[in-house]
C-alpha cells in the first residue's frame, strides 16, 4: 500500500494537550531561593499593544544599607550545575547519592560546570545564568538543552540563542519554544535594544535550513535532555523539521536585561529602613520610560504578536557585576 498524506486528525495527534502532557513539572528549584537578595517591583505586566510581559526586580540591602551584591553573585553561582550540566547526568549523581550516600559526583559536576564559564572581560554569562534562574524558578519554563555543556572550549561563548526553554500554551496545546537573549549594558535602553534585536531573527521568519534557528534546532534534535526519556523523545519528535509535529511549535522569547541605575544611590541622610522603599520608588519613576522603549522596539521589529517575557534587573554598576561574577564563578 502506498503512503498517503496525513489527515487532519493525524496531524492534531502530534499536538500534546495540556491535560495529559506537561512541561512545567520539569522546571526546577523554588522561587524563594534568592528572596534574601531580590525584591519584585512588578511582574507579568502586559506591554500595551503587544504580547510581551515585563518583570522588574531590584537588589536588596543589608541592615547597614549596603547592597548585597557579593553574596547575591555567590548565590547565583550555586546554580551552575543546573544551568550547565545535562539533566541526565545530574540524575546519575542523584542516583549515586541515593545508592551510596556519596556527593562525589556532585562535586565533580560542580567543578565541571564552573570550568565551562569563560574568563573573558566582556562575558555576559552572569546574565545568561540569571535568565535561566528566572525562567525556571519564576516563570516555570524549563530549560530543555544545556548549551554550555556543548562548548568545545571554555575560552569561547557558545553560538546562537543564549538559552532554549519550552512550555505548552494552555490556549491551544502547542509547544512554545523560547529563544533567550541576555544583555547587560550601561544603560537600560541600550540593553533592551540589543536584547530585543537579538531575539528578532529567531521570531520573525519561519524556520528554514541554513536560517537563524537551524543550528539550534539540530542541537535540540541531538542533545535535548529533560532527564526523562519518554518526554525527551516526544519533544524531539515535535522538533524534527521534517515531521508534521514541527508545525505545532510556536516561537516565543525570554530576555534578561540588566543595566547600571542610580536607584541604589540614596542620600546619606536616608534612614536604613527606608533604603528599599526609596529604591523601589526610584525604579517606579523610571518604569514608564522603560516600558515605552520596550513597546517601541517590539513594534519596530514587528514582533508584537509573539509571546515574550522581558525581565529587568538594575545593578549599582553593570561592569562591576560582570567582573565580580567572573571572579566568583572562576574561583
Protein backbone atom coordinates (compact mmCIF):
# COMPACT_ATOMS: atom_id res chain seq x y z
CA UNK A 1 0.00 0.00 0.00
CA UNK A 2 1.38 3.39 -0.94
CA UNK A 3 1.96 6.01 1.72
CA UNK A 4 -0.55 8.85 1.98
CA UNK A 5 -0.51 12.34 3.39
CA UNK A 6 -1.72 12.63 6.98
CA UNK A 7 -5.32 13.58 7.68
CA UNK A 8 -6.23 16.47 9.97
CA UNK A 9 -6.81 14.16 12.95
CA UNK A 10 -3.43 12.53 12.36
CA UNK A 11 -1.72 15.93 12.38
CA UNK A 12 -3.51 17.02 15.55
CA UNK A 13 -2.31 13.84 17.23
CA UNK A 14 1.17 15.33 17.17
CA UNK A 15 -0.01 18.18 19.35
CA UNK A 16 0.01 17.16 23.04
CA UNK A 17 -2.77 18.68 25.13
CA UNK A 18 -2.11 20.36 28.49
CA UNK A 19 -4.50 17.86 30.12
CA UNK A 20 -2.26 14.86 29.52
CA UNK A 21 1.17 16.36 28.92
CA UNK A 22 3.11 18.85 30.98
CA UNK A 23 6.45 20.58 30.75
CA UNK A 24 6.00 22.81 33.77
CA UNK A 25 6.85 19.92 36.09
CA UNK A 26 10.39 19.96 34.67
CA UNK A 27 11.03 23.47 35.99
CA UNK A 28 13.40 23.08 38.94
CA UNK A 29 14.01 24.89 42.19
CA UNK A 30 11.97 27.36 44.24
CA UNK A 31 11.13 30.99 43.60
CA UNK A 32 12.27 31.93 47.12
CA UNK A 33 15.85 30.73 46.61
CA UNK A 34 17.03 34.31 46.10
CA UNK A 35 14.45 36.04 48.30
CA UNK A 36 17.20 37.42 50.55
CA UNK A 37 18.67 39.32 47.62
CA UNK A 38 15.85 40.16 45.19
CA UNK A 39 12.61 42.08 45.56
CA UNK A 40 9.86 42.07 42.96
CA UNK A 41 8.80 45.53 41.80
CA UNK A 42 6.32 44.45 39.14
CA UNK A 43 5.60 41.13 37.47
CA UNK A 44 3.58 39.91 34.48
CA UNK A 45 2.73 43.44 33.30
CA UNK A 46 1.47 43.33 29.73
CA UNK A 47 3.12 45.91 27.49
CA UNK A 48 0.32 47.76 25.70
CA UNK A 49 -0.27 46.70 22.11
CA UNK A 50 1.96 43.60 22.37
CA UNK A 51 2.01 40.08 23.82
CA UNK A 52 5.10 40.99 25.84
CA UNK A 53 5.10 40.75 29.63
CA UNK A 54 7.56 42.78 31.68
CA UNK A 55 9.01 41.72 35.04
CA UNK A 56 11.04 44.15 37.14
CA UNK A 57 13.16 43.43 40.21
CA UNK A 58 15.73 45.15 42.40
CA UNK A 59 18.56 44.11 44.72
CA UNK A 60 18.05 44.26 48.47
CA UNK A 61 20.31 45.94 51.03
CA UNK A 62 21.59 44.73 54.40
CA UNK A 63 20.92 46.27 57.81
CA UNK A 64 23.51 48.97 57.17
CA UNK A 65 22.03 49.98 53.83
CA UNK A 66 24.66 48.21 51.68
CA UNK A 67 23.60 46.37 48.53
CA UNK A 68 24.18 42.64 48.90
CA UNK A 69 25.85 42.25 45.52
CA UNK A 70 28.73 39.92 46.50
CA UNK A 71 26.54 37.41 48.33
CA UNK A 72 23.94 37.63 45.56
CA UNK A 73 26.53 36.63 42.96
CA UNK A 74 27.87 33.88 45.21
CA UNK A 75 24.33 32.53 45.47
CA UNK A 76 23.54 32.55 41.75
CA UNK A 77 26.87 30.80 41.09
CA UNK A 78 25.45 27.82 43.01
CA UNK A 79 23.03 27.21 40.16
CA UNK A 80 25.88 26.47 37.76
CA UNK A 81 25.22 22.71 37.80
CA UNK A 82 21.51 23.08 36.96
CA UNK A 83 22.35 25.51 34.17
CA UNK A 84 25.45 23.98 32.61
CA UNK A 85 25.10 20.21 33.10
CA UNK A 86 22.59 18.00 31.20
CA UNK A 87 19.76 16.68 33.37
CA UNK A 88 20.54 13.02 32.67
CA UNK A 89 24.00 13.45 34.22
CA UNK A 90 22.52 15.25 37.22
CA UNK A 91 20.12 12.32 37.62
CA UNK A 92 23.12 9.97 37.66
CA UNK A 93 24.61 11.98 40.52
CA UNK A 94 21.29 11.87 42.38
CA UNK A 95 21.18 8.09 41.97
CA UNK A 96 24.71 7.69 43.29
CA UNK A 97 23.82 9.87 46.28
CA UNK A 98 20.75 7.74 46.97
CA UNK A 99 22.64 4.45 46.49
CA UNK A 100 25.87 5.29 48.29
CA UNK A 101 25.30 8.47 50.29
CA UNK A 102 28.29 10.00 48.49
CA UNK A 103 28.25 13.50 46.95
CA UNK A 104 31.38 12.72 44.92
CA UNK A 105 29.64 13.03 41.56
CA UNK A 106 28.02 16.33 42.54
CA UNK A 107 31.42 17.75 43.46
CA UNK A 108 32.74 16.59 40.11
CA UNK A 109 29.79 18.15 38.25
CA UNK A 110 30.23 21.42 40.14
CA UNK A 111 33.88 21.64 39.10
CA UNK A 112 32.97 20.77 35.51
CA UNK A 113 30.15 23.33 35.39
CA UNK A 114 32.31 26.20 36.61
CA UNK A 115 35.10 25.27 34.20
CA UNK A 116 32.68 25.87 31.31
CA UNK A 117 32.38 29.58 32.09
CA UNK A 118 34.75 31.87 30.21
CA UNK A 119 37.36 34.22 31.64
CA UNK A 120 36.75 36.98 29.09
CA UNK A 121 36.37 40.51 30.46
CA UNK A 122 33.20 41.22 28.48
CA UNK A 123 31.43 37.97 29.36
CA UNK A 124 27.66 38.08 29.60
CA UNK A 125 27.37 34.66 31.18
CA UNK A 126 26.25 36.07 34.53
CA UNK A 127 23.18 37.45 32.79
CA UNK A 128 22.61 34.17 30.97
CA UNK A 129 22.69 32.29 34.28
CA UNK A 130 20.22 34.77 35.78
CA UNK A 131 17.94 34.41 32.75
CA UNK A 132 17.98 30.64 33.31
CA UNK A 133 17.11 31.10 37.01
CA UNK A 134 14.22 33.46 36.34
CA UNK A 135 12.85 31.26 33.53
CA UNK A 136 12.81 28.07 35.59
CA UNK A 137 12.09 29.37 39.08
CA UNK A 138 9.81 32.36 38.44
CA UNK A 139 8.20 31.70 35.04
CA UNK A 140 8.23 27.89 35.45
CA UNK A 141 9.50 27.45 31.90
CA UNK A 142 12.15 24.68 31.92
CA UNK A 143 15.44 24.67 30.04
CA UNK A 144 15.37 21.82 27.53
CA UNK A 145 19.02 21.77 26.50
CA UNK A 146 22.22 22.81 28.24
CA UNK A 147 24.15 24.62 25.54
CA UNK A 148 27.01 25.26 27.98
CA UNK A 149 27.75 21.53 28.07
CA UNK A 150 28.22 21.51 24.29
CA UNK A 151 31.06 24.05 24.26
CA UNK A 152 34.24 22.68 22.71
CA UNK A 153 36.37 25.12 24.70
CA UNK A 154 35.62 27.15 27.84
CA UNK A 155 37.57 30.03 26.31
CA UNK A 156 34.68 30.84 23.95
CA UNK A 157 30.99 31.64 24.25
CA UNK A 158 28.54 29.27 22.59
CA UNK A 159 26.79 30.48 19.44
CA UNK A 160 23.14 31.14 18.67
CA UNK A 161 20.47 31.74 21.28
CA UNK A 162 21.58 32.39 24.88
CA UNK A 163 19.34 29.55 26.02
CA UNK A 164 16.34 27.49 24.94
CA UNK A 165 13.34 26.85 27.16
CA UNK A 166 9.88 25.44 26.43
CA UNK A 167 6.36 25.14 27.78
CA UNK A 168 2.88 24.38 26.48
CA UNK A 169 0.48 27.15 25.54
CA UNK A 170 -2.68 26.34 27.53
CA UNK A 171 -4.84 28.10 24.91
CA UNK A 172 -4.06 25.66 22.09
CA UNK A 173 -1.76 22.93 23.42
CA UNK A 174 1.12 23.92 21.14
CA UNK A 175 4.73 23.86 22.30
CA UNK A 176 6.17 27.33 22.88
CA UNK A 177 9.88 27.31 22.14
CA UNK A 178 11.51 30.21 23.99
CA UNK A 179 14.60 31.69 22.36
CA UNK A 180 16.59 33.53 25.01
CA UNK A 181 18.75 36.64 24.94
CA UNK A 182 20.61 38.28 27.83
CA UNK A 183 22.16 41.75 27.69
CA UNK A 184 23.81 43.74 30.47
CA UNK A 185 24.82 47.25 29.39
CA UNK A 186 25.50 50.62 30.94
CA UNK A 187 22.01 51.90 30.05
CA UNK A 188 18.62 50.20 30.20
CA UNK A 189 17.62 51.44 26.74
CA UNK A 190 20.85 50.13 25.22
CA UNK A 191 20.46 46.73 26.84
CA UNK A 192 16.78 46.49 25.87
CA UNK A 193 17.50 47.44 22.27
CA UNK A 194 20.22 44.81 21.92
CA UNK A 195 18.20 42.08 23.64
CA UNK A 196 15.09 42.65 21.55
CA UNK A 197 17.18 42.92 18.39
CA UNK A 198 18.81 39.61 19.34
CA UNK A 199 15.52 37.70 19.53
CA UNK A 200 14.04 39.27 16.38
CA UNK A 201 15.80 36.92 13.97
CA UNK A 202 14.61 33.88 15.91
CA UNK A 203 10.99 35.04 15.86
CA UNK A 204 10.06 36.90 12.70
CA UNK A 205 10.93 34.39 9.96
CA UNK A 206 9.74 30.78 9.60
CA UNK A 207 12.27 28.00 10.04
CA UNK A 208 14.45 27.24 7.05
CA UNK A 209 17.55 25.11 6.64
CA UNK A 210 20.58 27.35 6.99
CA UNK A 211 18.49 30.00 8.75
CA UNK A 212 18.92 31.57 12.19
CA UNK A 213 17.25 28.71 14.05
CA UNK A 214 18.79 25.86 12.06
CA UNK A 215 21.86 25.11 14.17
CA UNK A 216 19.99 25.28 17.47
CA UNK A 217 17.19 23.05 16.14
CA UNK A 218 19.79 20.48 15.09
CA UNK A 219 21.34 20.67 18.56
CA UNK A 220 17.90 20.09 20.10
CA UNK A 221 17.31 17.06 17.88
CA UNK A 222 20.60 15.57 19.06
CA UNK A 223 21.07 16.79 22.63
CA UNK A 224 17.69 17.79 24.08
CA UNK A 225 17.63 16.42 27.62
CA UNK A 226 14.77 16.66 30.12
CA UNK A 227 16.08 13.82 32.27
CA UNK A 228 13.05 11.72 31.29
CA UNK A 229 13.47 9.54 28.21
CA UNK A 230 9.79 9.39 27.18
CA UNK A 231 9.21 13.15 27.38
CA UNK A 232 12.55 13.88 25.73
CA UNK A 233 11.67 11.66 22.76
CA UNK A 234 8.21 13.24 22.38
CA UNK A 235 9.69 16.73 22.24
CA UNK A 236 12.42 15.61 19.83
CA UNK A 237 9.73 14.23 17.50
CA UNK A 238 7.93 17.56 17.56
CA UNK A 239 11.19 19.43 16.89
CA UNK A 240 12.05 17.46 13.74
CA UNK A 241 11.53 19.96 10.88
CA UNK A 242 10.52 17.08 8.59
CA UNK A 243 7.80 15.91 10.98
CA UNK A 244 4.19 17.20 10.92
CA UNK A 245 4.64 17.78 14.65
CA UNK A 246 7.02 20.65 13.88
CA UNK A 247 4.01 22.65 12.67
CA UNK A 248 2.81 22.76 16.27
CA UNK A 249 5.88 24.61 17.53
CA UNK A 250 5.43 28.31 18.32
CA UNK A 251 8.36 30.70 18.57
CA UNK A 252 8.48 32.75 21.76
CA UNK A 253 11.25 34.55 23.66
CA UNK A 254 12.69 35.47 27.05
CA UNK A 255 15.00 38.45 27.51
CA UNK A 256 17.02 39.23 30.61
CA UNK A 257 18.17 42.83 30.75
CA UNK A 258 20.50 44.42 33.28
CA UNK A 259 21.93 47.92 33.44
CA UNK A 260 23.52 50.48 35.70
CA UNK A 261 20.90 52.54 37.53
CA UNK A 262 21.23 55.16 40.24
CA UNK A 263 18.30 53.72 42.20
CA UNK A 264 20.68 52.42 44.89
CA UNK A 265 22.49 55.72 45.45
CA UNK A 266 20.47 57.27 48.26
CA UNK A 267 21.36 60.33 50.29
CA UNK A 268 23.39 59.60 53.41
CA UNK A 269 20.54 61.05 55.46
CA UNK A 270 18.15 58.34 54.20
CA UNK A 271 17.22 56.01 57.12
CA UNK A 272 18.45 52.46 56.53
CA UNK A 273 14.95 51.02 56.88
CA UNK A 274 13.83 53.31 54.04
CA UNK A 275 16.54 52.27 51.54
CA UNK A 276 14.44 49.56 49.91
CA UNK A 277 11.38 51.81 49.72
CA UNK A 278 13.44 54.59 48.13
CA UNK A 279 14.94 52.11 45.67
CA UNK A 280 11.50 50.90 44.65
CA UNK A 281 10.18 54.45 44.25
CA UNK A 282 13.16 55.38 42.06
CA UNK A 283 12.59 52.40 39.77
CA UNK A 284 8.83 53.01 39.60
CA UNK A 285 9.55 56.53 38.30
CA UNK A 286 11.80 55.07 35.58
CA UNK A 287 9.42 52.28 34.55
CA UNK A 288 7.14 54.24 32.18
CA UNK A 289 10.16 55.15 30.06
CA UNK A 290 11.46 51.59 30.11
CA UNK A 291 8.09 50.14 29.09
CA UNK A 292 7.72 52.76 26.38
CA UNK A 293 11.10 51.72 24.97
CA UNK A 294 10.11 48.03 25.06
CA UNK A 295 6.90 48.81 23.17
CA UNK A 296 8.77 50.94 20.65
CA UNK A 297 11.38 48.28 19.86
CA UNK A 298 8.89 45.40 19.79
CA UNK A 299 6.90 47.43 17.26
CA UNK A 300 9.92 48.46 15.19
CA UNK A 301 11.00 44.83 14.86
CA UNK A 302 7.42 43.64 14.10
CA UNK A 303 7.35 41.00 16.82
CA UNK A 304 4.33 42.28 18.76
CA UNK A 305 2.31 39.09 18.11
CA UNK A 306 4.81 36.77 19.84
CA UNK A 307 4.77 35.70 23.49
CA UNK A 308 7.79 37.45 25.02
CA UNK A 309 8.97 37.90 28.61
CA UNK A 310 11.32 40.80 29.39
CA UNK A 311 12.99 40.60 32.81
CA UNK A 312 14.75 43.73 34.04
CA UNK A 313 17.15 43.95 36.99
CA UNK A 314 19.16 47.16 37.59
CA UNK A 315 22.62 46.98 39.14
CA UNK A 316 24.62 49.60 41.04
CA UNK A 317 27.22 49.14 38.29
CA UNK A 318 26.78 46.74 35.36
CA UNK A 319 30.53 46.40 34.79
CA UNK A 320 31.13 45.66 38.46
CA UNK A 321 28.56 42.85 38.26
CA UNK A 322 30.37 41.35 35.26
CA UNK A 323 33.77 41.49 36.97
CA UNK A 324 32.58 40.09 40.28
CA UNK A 325 30.65 37.28 38.62
CA UNK A 326 33.71 36.24 36.63
CA UNK A 327 35.86 36.33 39.77
CA UNK A 328 33.42 34.28 41.85
CA UNK A 329 32.43 31.69 39.24
CA UNK A 330 36.05 31.00 38.31
CA UNK A 331 37.21 30.97 41.93
